[in-house]
């Protein structure tokens, strides 16, 4: 039914952020250090969540796995690519 389809769509969308948050937990320190030391950029405001800031800023993102293994989801925005390994 249409309601079940909408629930699946919302759950899919939320799962994207859940995975991004988990990935961000692992990389946040490195990204913040790189921004500060190498690029000499200011830290993100403490109220900002880095992975959500990146998403809402539409920063191009590359996922490094084989599209033969897991195809790029059709509902991903144009700035998210899967390039293989």
C-alpha atoms as a PDB file:
ATOM      1  CA  UNK A   1       0.000   0.000   0.000  1.00  0.00           C
ATOM      2  CA  UNK A   2       0.994   3.635  -0.292  1.00  0.00           C
ATOM      3  CA  UNK A   3       1.402   4.059   3.475  1.00  0.00           C
ATOM      4  CA  UNK A   4       3.800   1.104   3.709  1.00  0.00           C
ATOM      5  CA  UNK A   5       5.767   2.435   0.760  1.00  0.00           C
ATOM      6  CA  UNK A   6       6.074   5.839   2.429  1.00  0.00           C
ATOM      7  CA  UNK A   7       7.206   4.220   5.708  1.00  0.00           C
ATOM      8  CA  UNK A   8       9.892   2.275   3.817  1.00  0.00           C
ATOM      9  CA  UNK A   9      11.025   5.442   2.073  1.00  0.00           C
ATOM     10  CA  UNK A  10      11.336   7.308   5.384  1.00  0.00           C
ATOM     11  CA  UNK A  11      13.147   4.387   7.055  1.00  0.00           C
ATOM     12  CA  UNK A  12      15.562   4.191   4.125  1.00  0.00           C
ATOM     13  CA  UNK A  13      16.247   7.911   4.406  1.00  0.00           C
ATOM     14  CA  UNK A  14      16.776   7.687   8.179  1.00  0.00           C
ATOM     15  CA  UNK A  15      19.078   4.692   7.806  1.00  0.00           C
ATOM     16  CA  UNK A  16      21.308   6.800   5.556  1.00  0.00           C
ATOM     17  CA  UNK A  17      21.832   9.270   8.393  1.00  0.00           C
ATOM     18  CA  UNK A  18      22.363   6.475  10.924  1.00  0.00           C
ATOM     19  CA  UNK A  19      25.185   5.019   8.807  1.00  0.00           C
ATOM     20  CA  UNK A  20      26.640   8.481   8.189  1.00  0.00           C
ATOM     21  CA  UNK A  21      26.625   9.210  11.928  1.00  0.00           C
ATOM     22  CA  UNK A  22      28.453   5.959  12.654  1.00  0.00           C
ATOM     23  CA  UNK A  23      31.022   6.681   9.949  1.00  0.00           C
ATOM     24  CA  UNK A  24      31.418  10.227  11.262  1.00  0.00           C
ATOM     25  CA  UNK A  25      32.177   8.915  14.747  1.00  0.00           C
ATOM     26  CA  UNK A  26      35.159   7.090  13.272  1.00  0.00           C
ATOM     27  CA  UNK A  27      36.457   9.952  11.131  1.00  0.00           C
ATOM     28  CA  UNK A  28      35.508  13.124  12.982  1.00  0.00           C
ATOM     29  CA  UNK A  29      38.831  13.517  14.748  1.00  0.00           C
ATOM     30  CA  UNK A  30      40.852  13.043  11.558  1.00  0.00           C
ATOM     31  CA  UNK A  31      38.654  15.410   9.547  1.00  0.00           C
ATOM     32  CA  UNK A  32      38.729  18.107  12.221  1.00  0.00           C
ATOM     33  CA  UNK A  33      42.515  17.736  12.583  1.00  0.00           C
ATOM     34  CA  UNK A  34      43.001  17.922   8.795  1.00  0.00           C
ATOM     35  CA  UNK A  35      40.780  21.008   8.560  1.00  0.00           C
ATOM     36  CA  UNK A  36      42.641  22.746  11.369  1.00  0.00           C
ATOM     37  CA  UNK A  37      46.286  21.769  10.713  1.00  0.00           C
ATOM     38  CA  UNK A  38      46.435  21.343   6.947  1.00  0.00           C
ATOM     39  CA  UNK A  39      43.712  23.595   5.595  1.00  0.00           C
ATOM     40  CA  UNK A  40      43.896  26.081   8.471  1.00  0.00           C
ATOM     41  CA  UNK A  41      40.118  26.257   8.677  1.00  0.00           C
ATOM     42  CA  UNK A  42      38.094  26.964  11.766  1.00  0.00           C
ATOM     43  CA  UNK A  43      36.491  24.137  13.694  1.00  0.00           C
ATOM     44  CA  UNK A  44      32.827  23.398  13.140  1.00  0.00           C
ATOM     45  CA  UNK A  45      30.503  25.011  15.620  1.00  0.00           C
ATOM     46  CA  UNK A  46      29.968  22.560  18.495  1.00  0.00           C
ATOM     47  CA  UNK A  47      26.219  22.489  17.819  1.00  0.00           C
ATOM     48  CA  UNK A  48      26.788  21.233  14.267  1.00  0.00           C
ATOM     49  CA  UNK A  49      26.995  17.539  13.529  1.00  0.00           C
ATOM     50  CA  UNK A  50      29.662  17.091  10.875  1.00  0.00           C
ATOM     51  CA  UNK A  51      27.962  14.395   8.826  1.00  0.00           C
ATOM     52  CA  UNK A  52      24.711  16.359   8.692  1.00  0.00           C
ATOM     53  CA  UNK A  53      26.579  19.569   7.836  1.00  0.00           C
ATOM     54  CA  UNK A  54      28.238  17.791   4.922  1.00  0.00           C
ATOM     55  CA  UNK A  55      24.882  16.422   3.719  1.00  0.00           C
ATOM     56  CA  UNK A  56      23.083  19.749   3.880  1.00  0.00           C
ATOM     57  CA  UNK A  57      26.014  21.557   2.222  1.00  0.00           C
ATOM     58  CA  UNK A  58      25.816  19.115  -0.711  1.00  0.00           C
ATOM     59  CA  UNK A  59      29.537  18.353  -0.528  1.00  0.00           C
ATOM     60  CA  UNK A  60      30.416  15.801  -3.245  1.00  0.00           C
ATOM     61  CA  UNK A  61      30.912  12.385  -1.676  1.00  0.00           C
ATOM     62  CA  UNK A  62      32.585   9.273  -3.065  1.00  0.00           C
ATOM     63  CA  UNK A  63      31.899   5.779  -1.735  1.00  0.00           C
ATOM     64  CA  UNK A  64      34.669   3.327  -2.532  1.00  0.00           C
ATOM     65  CA  UNK A  65      33.045  -0.043  -3.147  1.00  0.00           C
ATOM     66  CA  UNK A  66      32.302  -1.892  -6.332  1.00  0.00           C
ATOM     67  CA  UNK A  67      29.007  -0.946  -7.952  1.00  0.00           C
ATOM     68  CA  UNK A  68      28.936  -4.597  -9.091  1.00  0.00           C
ATOM     69  CA  UNK A  69      28.801  -5.625  -5.441  1.00  0.00           C
ATOM     70  CA  UNK A  70      26.291  -2.985  -4.294  1.00  0.00           C
ATOM     71  CA  UNK A  71      24.715  -0.764  -6.911  1.00  0.00           C
ATOM     72  CA  UNK A  72      24.424   2.965  -6.316  1.00  0.00           C
ATOM     73  CA  UNK A  73      20.913   3.563  -4.939  1.00  0.00           C
ATOM     74  CA  UNK A  74      18.707   5.375  -7.445  1.00  0.00           C
ATOM     75  CA  UNK A  75      17.421   7.794  -4.806  1.00  0.00           C
ATOM     76  CA  UNK A  76      20.883   9.128  -3.938  1.00  0.00           C
ATOM     77  CA  UNK A  77      21.573  12.754  -4.827  1.00  0.00           C
ATOM     78  CA  UNK A  78      23.766  13.511  -7.852  1.00  0.00           C
ATOM     79  CA  UNK A  79      26.737  14.499  -5.676  1.00  0.00           C
ATOM     80  CA  UNK A  80      27.071  11.014  -4.108  1.00  0.00           C
ATOM     81  CA  UNK A  81      28.971   8.546  -6.291  1.00  0.00           C
ATOM     82  CA  UNK A  82      30.130   4.943  -6.054  1.00  0.00           C
ATOM     83  CA  UNK A  83      33.487   4.506  -7.797  1.00  0.00           C
ATOM     84  CA  UNK A  84      34.664   0.967  -7.128  1.00  0.00           C
ATOM     85  CA  UNK A  85      37.892  -0.270  -5.594  1.00  0.00           C
END
